[in-house]
Amino acid sequence: MSEQIGAVLIFAGLFLAVSGMLVLLGRGLRVLFKRTDRRRLLGPLVVMVAGLLVGAAPLVYQRVYIAIVGLGERERVVDGRKALVLTGWDRPDYTILASKGDVEILEMGNPDVTDETLEALSAMHNLRELTLNDTQITDAGLMTLQRFQNLESLRIARTAVTPDGVQALLADPPPHLREIDVTGNGIPTSILRKWKNAATPAEGSLPHPTEDRRYVN
């Protein structure tokens, strides 16, 4: 089902449901004052229920389709790691992410991705690469990424983050973070260089040379 058809069905269902409800209320008052028969309530009630069913159809279809078919080509394995590519995702929400705790590479560079969307990633404890280019995430969302202890690569180009937010993240970054892309955000190079030059080995790991940390600005 295309996004356009889904939108039409939702609005058509909403129109029918509201119309049926208004007529039902009007006739209900007439029944209350004994000016009409109760059987006349059946028609608008049927219209209202039909509207609710039509409006809910696209949402039900989406959940059933994903449950049966899955995410298709959006799910793949890259160098032995499970990857999920949601850039270009045409669904109304990202709740599917809550059931994808084994994903290690996630791409979702979409304008409708916000700080709230990132809450759906909480189960991805093995996340290593995260692409959030062209999203609406802010400094608040950026700070929630500190919980991903295995994160190695972060791309947040052309988002709503600020120099203060990036500086705060890099002052206490995920221990394995080695690559960050902040293109188009006006981040001073000095902030990134300080993080690069402060490279220290994560606890229990072998030392890495400073050049292992890379940034794109």
C-alpha atoms as a PDB file:
ATOM      1  CA  MET A   1       0.000   0.000   0.000  1.00  0.00           C
ATOM      2  CA  SER A   2       1.483   3.340  -1.069  1.00  0.00           C
ATOM      3  CA  GLU A   3       1.818   6.269   1.319  1.00  0.00           C
ATOM      4  CA  GLN A   4      -0.640   8.327  -0.785  1.00  0.00           C
ATOM      5  CA  ILE A   5      -3.336   5.646  -0.686  1.00  0.00           C
ATOM      6  CA  GLY A   6      -2.815   5.203   3.044  1.00  0.00           C
ATOM      7  CA  ALA A   7      -3.236   8.944   3.640  1.00  0.00           C
ATOM      8  CA  VAL A   8      -6.434   9.033   1.553  1.00  0.00           C
ATOM      9  CA  LEU A   9      -7.900   6.119   3.499  1.00  0.00           C
ATOM     10  CA  ILE A  10      -7.032   7.686   6.849  1.00  0.00           C
ATOM     11  CA  PHE A  11      -8.652  11.023   5.950  1.00  0.00           C
ATOM     12  CA  ALA A  12     -11.669   9.321   4.357  1.00  0.00           C
ATOM     13  CA  GLY A  13     -12.123   7.179   7.445  1.00  0.00           C
ATOM     14  CA  LEU A  14     -11.806  10.212   9.699  1.00  0.00           C
ATOM     15  CA  PHE A  15     -14.423  12.090   7.652  1.00  0.00           C
ATOM     16  CA  LEU A  16     -16.870   9.176   7.808  1.00  0.00           C
ATOM     17  CA  ALA A  17     -16.312   8.641  11.531  1.00  0.00           C
ATOM     18  CA  VAL A  18     -16.826  12.318  12.399  1.00  0.00           C
ATOM     19  CA  SER A  19     -19.870  12.616  10.119  1.00  0.00           C
ATOM     20  CA  GLY A  20     -21.434   9.501  11.596  1.00  0.00           C
ATOM     21  CA  MET A  21     -20.730  10.681  15.129  1.00  0.00           C
ATOM     22  CA  LEU A  22     -22.323  14.101  14.550  1.00  0.00           C
ATOM     23  CA  VAL A  23     -25.455  12.587  13.026  1.00  0.00           C
ATOM     24  CA  LEU A  24     -25.552  10.009  15.812  1.00  0.00           C
ATOM     25  CA  LEU A  25     -25.393  12.743  18.442  1.00  0.00           C
ATOM     26  CA  GLY A  26     -28.144  14.700  16.736  1.00  0.00           C
ATOM     27  CA  ARG A  27     -30.446  11.717  16.474  1.00  0.00           C
ATOM     28  CA  GLY A  28     -29.508  10.626  19.981  1.00  0.00           C
ATOM     29  CA  LEU A  29     -30.836  13.901  21.337  1.00  0.00           C
ATOM     30  CA  ARG A  30     -34.039  13.464  19.374  1.00  0.00           C
ATOM     31  CA  VAL A  31     -34.431   9.953  20.773  1.00  0.00           C
ATOM     32  CA  LEU A  32     -33.766  11.321  24.254  1.00  0.00           C
ATOM     33  CA  PHE A  33     -36.650  13.761  23.848  1.00  0.00           C
ATOM     34  CA  LYS A  34     -38.738  11.017  22.212  1.00  0.00           C
ATOM     35  CA  ARG A  35     -38.953  12.795  18.854  1.00  0.00           C
ATOM     36  CA  THR A  36     -37.705   9.855  16.794  1.00  0.00           C
ATOM     37  CA  ASP A  37     -37.335   6.079  16.917  1.00  0.00           C
ATOM     38  CA  ARG A  38     -34.183   4.428  18.303  1.00  0.00           C
ATOM     39  CA  ARG A  39     -33.773   2.413  15.129  1.00  0.00           C
ATOM     40  CA  ARG A  40     -32.745   5.603  13.338  1.00  0.00           C
ATOM     41  CA  LEU A  41     -29.520   5.515  15.358  1.00  0.00           C
ATOM     42  CA  LEU A  42     -28.341   2.410  13.505  1.00  0.00           C
ATOM     43  CA  GLY A  43     -27.468   4.193  10.238  1.00  0.00           C
ATOM     44  CA  PRO A  44     -25.051   6.810  11.620  1.00  0.00           C
ATOM     45  CA  LEU A  45     -23.603   4.228  14.007  1.00  0.00           C
ATOM     46  CA  VAL A  46     -22.722   1.984  11.060  1.00  0.00           C
ATOM     47  CA  VAL A  47     -21.170   4.951   9.212  1.00  0.00           C
ATOM     48  CA  MET A  48     -19.068   5.876  12.247  1.00  0.00           C
ATOM     49  CA  VAL A  49     -17.795   2.320  12.736  1.00  0.00           C
ATOM     50  CA  ALA A  50     -17.063   1.985   9.014  1.00  0.00           C
ATOM     51  CA  GLY A  51     -15.068   5.204   9.143  1.00  0.00           C
ATOM     52  CA  LEU A  52     -12.987   3.925  12.044  1.00  0.00           C
ATOM     53  CA  LEU A  53     -12.292   0.676  10.202  1.00  0.00           C
ATOM     54  CA  VAL A  54     -11.306   2.444   6.977  1.00  0.00           C
ATOM     55  CA  GLY A  55      -9.050   4.877   8.828  1.00  0.00           C
ATOM     56  CA  ALA A  56      -7.330   2.109  10.765  1.00  0.00           C
ATOM     57  CA  ALA A  57      -6.795  -0.104   7.703  1.00  0.00           C
ATOM     58  CA  PRO A  58      -3.444   1.446   6.583  1.00  0.00           C
ATOM     59  CA  LEU A  59      -1.975   1.160  10.086  1.00  0.00           C
ATOM     60  CA  VAL A  60      -3.090  -2.448  10.470  1.00  0.00           C
ATOM     61  CA  TYR A  61      -1.813  -3.268   6.977  1.00  0.00           C
ATOM     62  CA  GLN A  62       1.629  -1.891   7.807  1.00  0.00           C
ATOM     63  CA  ARG A  63       1.989  -3.924  10.989  1.00  0.00           C
ATOM     64  CA  VAL A  64       0.729  -7.139   9.363  1.00  0.00           C
ATOM     65  CA  TYR A  65       2.966  -6.643   6.313  1.00  0.00           C
ATOM     66  CA  ILE A  66       6.091  -6.129   8.412  1.00  0.00           C
ATOM     67  CA  ALA A  67       5.202  -9.070  10.665  1.00  0.00           C
ATOM     68  CA  ILE A  68       4.798 -11.419   7.673  1.00  0.00           C
ATOM     69  CA  VAL A  69       7.229 -10.098   5.074  1.00  0.00           C
ATOM     70  CA  GLY A  70       9.747  -8.345   7.333  1.00  0.00           C
ATOM     71  CA  LEU A  71      11.862  -5.423   6.174  1.00  0.00           C
ATOM     72  CA  GLY A  72      13.106  -7.111   3.015  1.00  0.00           C
ATOM     73  CA  GLU A  73      16.182  -5.555   1.433  1.00  0.00           C
ATOM     74  CA  ARG A  74      16.463  -3.014   4.246  1.00  0.00           C
ATOM     75  CA  GLU A  75      17.928  -5.785   6.385  1.00  0.00           C
ATOM     76  CA  ARG A  76      21.302  -7.157   5.336  1.00  0.00           C
ATOM     77  CA  VAL A  77      24.604  -8.481   6.661  1.00  0.00           C
ATOM     78  CA  VAL A  78      27.720  -6.330   6.161  1.00  0.00           C
ATOM     79  CA  ASP A  79      31.076  -7.866   7.081  1.00  0.00           C
ATOM     80  CA  GLY A  80      29.332 -10.280   9.391  1.00  0.00           C
ATOM     81  CA  ARG A  81      27.332  -7.544  11.109  1.00  0.00           C
ATOM     82  CA  LYS A  82      23.571  -7.176  10.904  1.00  0.00           C
ATOM     83  CA  ALA A  83      22.690  -3.895   9.205  1.00  0.00           C
ATOM     84  CA  LEU A  84      19.389  -2.058   8.892  1.00  0.00           C
ATOM     85  CA  VAL A  85      18.963   0.728   6.329  1.00  0.00           C
ATOM     86  CA  LEU A  86      15.938   2.948   6.992  1.00  0.00           C
ATOM     87  CA  THR A  87      17.046   5.982   4.991  1.00  0.00           C
ATOM     88  CA  GLY A  88      14.066   6.674   2.739  1.00  0.00           C
ATOM     89  CA  TRP A  89      11.707   4.903   5.182  1.00  0.00           C
ATOM     90  CA  ASP A  90       8.133   5.715   4.158  1.00  0.00           C
ATOM     91  CA  ARG A  91       6.309   4.454   7.239  1.00  0.00           C
ATOM     92  CA  PRO A  92       4.749   6.800   9.834  1.00  0.00           C
ATOM     93  CA  ASP A  93       6.881   5.669  12.783  1.00  0.00           C
ATOM     94  CA  TYR A  94       9.978   3.752  13.859  1.00  0.00           C
ATOM     95  CA  THR A  95       8.514   1.446  16.512  1.00  0.00           C
ATOM     96  CA  ILE A  96       9.838  -1.544  14.556  1.00  0.00           C
ATOM     97  CA  LEU A  97      13.304  -0.648  15.902  1.00  0.00           C
ATOM     98  CA  ALA A  98      12.333  -1.751  19.404  1.00  0.00           C
ATOM     99  CA  SER A  99      12.401  -5.379  18.199  1.00  0.00           C
ATOM    100  CA  LYS A 100      15.762  -5.098  16.404  1.00  0.00           C
ATOM    101  CA  GLY A 101      18.128  -5.380  19.336  1.00  0.00           C
ATOM    102  CA  ASP A 102      20.702  -7.372  17.339  1.00  0.00           C
ATOM    103  CA  VAL A 103      21.350  -4.605  14.786  1.00  0.00           C
ATOM    104  CA  GLU A 104      24.970  -3.393  14.713  1.00  0.00           C
ATOM    105  CA  ILE A 105      24.774  -0.965  11.778  1.00  0.00           C
ATOM    106  CA  LEU A 106      21.836   1.434  11.520  1.00  0.00           C
ATOM    107  CA  GLU A 107      21.182   4.067   8.888  1.00  0.00           C
ATOM    108  CA  MET A 108      18.133   6.326   9.179  1.00  0.00           C
ATOM    109  CA  GLY A 109      18.946   9.657   7.610  1.00  0.00           C
ATOM    110  CA  ASN A 110      15.393  10.975   7.366  1.00  0.00           C
ATOM    111  CA  PRO A 111      13.928  14.433   8.115  1.00  0.00           C
ATOM    112  CA  ASP A 112      11.263  12.949  10.422  1.00  0.00           C
ATOM    113  CA  VAL A 113      13.814  11.409  12.807  1.00  0.00           C
ATOM    114  CA  THR A 114      13.816  13.377  16.085  1.00  0.00           C
ATOM    115  CA  ASP A 115      15.233  13.047  19.583  1.00  0.00           C
ATOM    116  CA  GLU A 116      12.139  11.035  20.521  1.00  0.00           C
ATOM    117  CA  THR A 117      12.833   8.575  17.691  1.00  0.00           C
ATOM    118  CA  LEU A 118      16.145   7.663  19.299  1.00  0.00           C
ATOM    119  CA  GLU A 119      14.296   6.152  22.269  1.00  0.00           C
ATOM    120  CA  ALA A 120      13.378   3.217  20.006  1.00  0.00           C
ATOM    121  CA  LEU A 121      17.086   2.344  19.793  1.00  0.00           C
ATOM    122  CA  SER A 122      17.429   1.575  23.502  1.00  0.00           C
ATOM    123  CA  ALA A 123      17.619  -2.211  22.948  1.00  0.00           C
ATOM    124  CA  MET A 124      20.492  -1.986  20.434  1.00  0.00           C
ATOM    125  CA  HIS A 125      23.285  -2.703  22.887  1.00  0.00           C
ATOM    126  CA  ASN A 126      25.645  -3.891  20.131  1.00  0.00           C
ATOM    127  CA  LEU A 127      25.208  -0.846  17.892  1.00  0.00           C
ATOM    128  CA  ARG A 128      28.537  -0.006  16.231  1.00  0.00           C
ATOM    129  CA  GLU A 129      27.680   2.320  13.357  1.00  0.00           C
ATOM    130  CA  LEU A 130      24.911   4.932  13.421  1.00  0.00           C
ATOM    131  CA  THR A 131      23.979   7.297  10.598  1.00  0.00           C
ATOM    132  CA  LEU A 132      21.633  10.183  11.438  1.00  0.00           C
ATOM    133  CA  ASN A 133      22.489  12.583   8.622  1.00  0.00           C
ATOM    134  CA  ASP A 134      19.768  15.101   7.643  1.00  0.00           C
ATOM    135  CA  THR A 135      17.640  14.402  10.722  1.00  0.00           C
ATOM    136  CA  GLN A 136      16.164  16.767  13.322  1.00  0.00           C
ATOM    137  CA  ILE A 137      18.169  15.516  16.287  1.00  0.00           C
ATOM    138  CA  THR A 138      19.372  18.156  18.750  1.00  0.00           C
ATOM    139  CA  ASP A 139      21.954  18.271  21.518  1.00  0.00           C
ATOM    140  CA  ALA A 140      19.497  16.495  23.826  1.00  0.00           C
ATOM    141  CA  GLY A 141      19.241  13.525  21.487  1.00  0.00           C
ATOM    142  CA  LEU A 142      22.974  13.549  20.903  1.00  0.00           C
ATOM    143  CA  MET A 143      23.694  13.050  24.593  1.00  0.00           C
ATOM    144  CA  THR A 144      21.517   9.909  24.701  1.00  0.00           C
ATOM    145  CA  LEU A 145      23.995   8.264  22.329  1.00  0.00           C
ATOM    146  CA  GLN A 146      26.532   7.998  25.143  1.00  0.00           C
ATOM    147  CA  ARG A 147      24.737   4.857  26.296  1.00  0.00           C
ATOM    148  CA  PHE A 148      25.885   2.912  23.225  1.00  0.00           C
ATOM    149  CA  GLN A 149      29.131   1.602  24.660  1.00  0.00           C
ATOM    150  CA  ASN A 150      30.107  -0.263  21.477  1.00  0.00           C
ATOM    151  CA  LEU A 151      29.511   2.649  19.103  1.00  0.00           C
ATOM    152  CA  GLU A 152      32.472   3.132  16.751  1.00  0.00           C
ATOM    153  CA  SER A 153      31.148   5.402  14.007  1.00  0.00           C
ATOM    154  CA  LEU A 154      28.644   8.274  14.240  1.00  0.00           C
ATOM    155  CA  ARG A 155      27.366  10.383  11.345  1.00  0.00           C
ATOM    156  CA  ILE A 156      25.303  13.444  12.282  1.00  0.00           C
ATOM    157  CA  ALA A 157      25.842  15.692   9.248  1.00  0.00           C
ATOM    158  CA  ARG A 158      23.340  18.508   8.618  1.00  0.00           C
ATOM    159  CA  THR A 159      21.369  18.069  11.826  1.00  0.00           C
ATOM    160  CA  ALA A 160      20.298  20.481  14.594  1.00  0.00           C
ATOM    161  CA  VAL A 161      23.226  19.773  16.911  1.00  0.00           C
ATOM    162  CA  THR A 162      25.388  22.670  18.109  1.00  0.00           C
ATOM    163  CA  PRO A 163      29.081  23.063  18.962  1.00  0.00           C
ATOM    164  CA  ASP A 164      28.179  22.882  22.671  1.00  0.00           C
ATOM    165  CA  GLY A 165      26.379  19.579  22.175  1.00  0.00           C
ATOM    166  CA  VAL A 166      29.185  18.005  20.160  1.00  0.00           C
ATOM    167  CA  GLN A 167      31.764  19.220  22.653  1.00  0.00           C
ATOM    168  CA  ALA A 168      29.780  17.699  25.536  1.00  0.00           C
ATOM    169  CA  LEU A 169      29.494  14.366  23.728  1.00  0.00           C
ATOM    170  CA  LEU A 170      33.187  14.224  22.861  1.00  0.00           C
ATOM    171  CA  ALA A 171      34.166  15.153  26.404  1.00  0.00           C
ATOM    172  CA  ASP A 172      32.658  11.844  27.528  1.00  0.00           C
ATOM    173  CA  PRO A 173      32.173   9.774  24.352  1.00  0.00           C
ATOM    174  CA  PRO A 174      31.301   6.092  23.994  1.00  0.00           C
ATOM    175  CA  PRO A 175      34.617   4.342  24.764  1.00  0.00           C
ATOM    176  CA  HIS A 176      35.060   2.842  21.299  1.00  0.00           C
ATOM    177  CA  LEU A 177      34.034   5.875  19.224  1.00  0.00           C
ATOM    178  CA  ARG A 178      36.662   6.323  16.505  1.00  0.00           C
ATOM    179  CA  GLU A 179      34.859   8.194  13.722  1.00  0.00           C
ATOM    180  CA  ILE A 180      32.447  11.137  13.686  1.00  0.00           C
ATOM    181  CA  ASP A 181      30.964  13.150  10.814  1.00  0.00           C
ATOM    182  CA  VAL A 182      29.549  16.571  11.721  1.00  0.00           C
ATOM    183  CA  THR A 183      29.507  18.106   8.238  1.00  0.00           C
ATOM    184  CA  GLY A 184      27.266  21.146   7.834  1.00  0.00           C
ATOM    185  CA  ASN A 185      26.773  21.838  11.542  1.00  0.00           C
ATOM    186  CA  GLY A 186      29.306  24.634  11.957  1.00  0.00           C
ATOM    187  CA  ILE A 187      31.387  22.726  14.499  1.00  0.00           C
ATOM    188  CA  PRO A 188      34.784  24.350  15.213  1.00  0.00           C
ATOM    189  CA  THR A 189      37.649  22.109  14.144  1.00  0.00           C
ATOM    190  CA  SER A 190      39.330  22.751  17.489  1.00  0.00           C
ATOM    191  CA  ILE A 191      36.640  20.711  19.277  1.00  0.00           C
ATOM    192  CA  LEU A 192      37.170  17.751  16.976  1.00  0.00           C
ATOM    193  CA  ARG A 193      40.939  17.994  17.049  1.00  0.00           C
ATOM    194  CA  LYS A 194      40.941  17.988  20.844  1.00  0.00           C
ATOM    195  CA  TRP A 195      38.941  14.750  20.836  1.00  0.00           C
ATOM    196  CA  LYS A 196      41.207  13.195  18.208  1.00  0.00           C
ATOM    197  CA  ASN A 197      44.372  14.089  20.083  1.00  0.00           C
ATOM    198  CA  ALA A 198      43.008  12.830  23.392  1.00  0.00           C
ATOM    199  CA  ALA A 199      42.629   9.257  22.130  1.00  0.00           C
ATOM    200  CA  THR A 200      43.119   6.741  24.902  1.00  0.00           C
ATOM    201  CA  PRO A 201      42.526   2.979  24.872  1.00  0.00           C
ATOM    202  CA  ALA A 202      39.180   1.730  26.099  1.00  0.00           C
ATOM    203  CA  GLU A 203      39.278  -0.274  29.305  1.00  0.00           C
ATOM    204  CA  GLY A 204      40.518  -3.797  28.642  1.00  0.00           C
ATOM    205  CA  SER A 205      41.558  -3.057  25.056  1.00  0.00           C
ATOM    206  CA  LEU A 206      44.906  -2.616  23.366  1.00  0.00           C
ATOM    207  CA  PRO A 207      46.190   0.937  22.867  1.00  0.00           C
ATOM    208  CA  HIS A 208      45.283   2.576  19.572  1.00  0.00           C
ATOM    209  CA  PRO A 209      47.385   5.236  17.885  1.00  0.00           C
ATOM    210  CA  THR A 210      45.887   8.724  17.833  1.00  0.00           C
ATOM    211  CA  GLU A 211      45.342   8.613  14.066  1.00  0.00           C
ATOM    212  CA  ASP A 212      42.727   5.879  14.568  1.00  0.00           C
ATOM    213  CA  ARG A 213      40.307   8.628  15.523  1.00  0.00           C
ATOM    214  CA  ARG A 214      38.898  10.383  12.479  1.00  0.00           C
ATOM    215  CA  TYR A 215      36.491  13.240  11.951  1.00  0.00           C
ATOM    216  CA  VAL A 216      34.748  14.844   8.970  1.00  0.00           C
ATOM    217  CA  ASN A 217      33.715  18.473   9.233  1.00  0.00           C
END
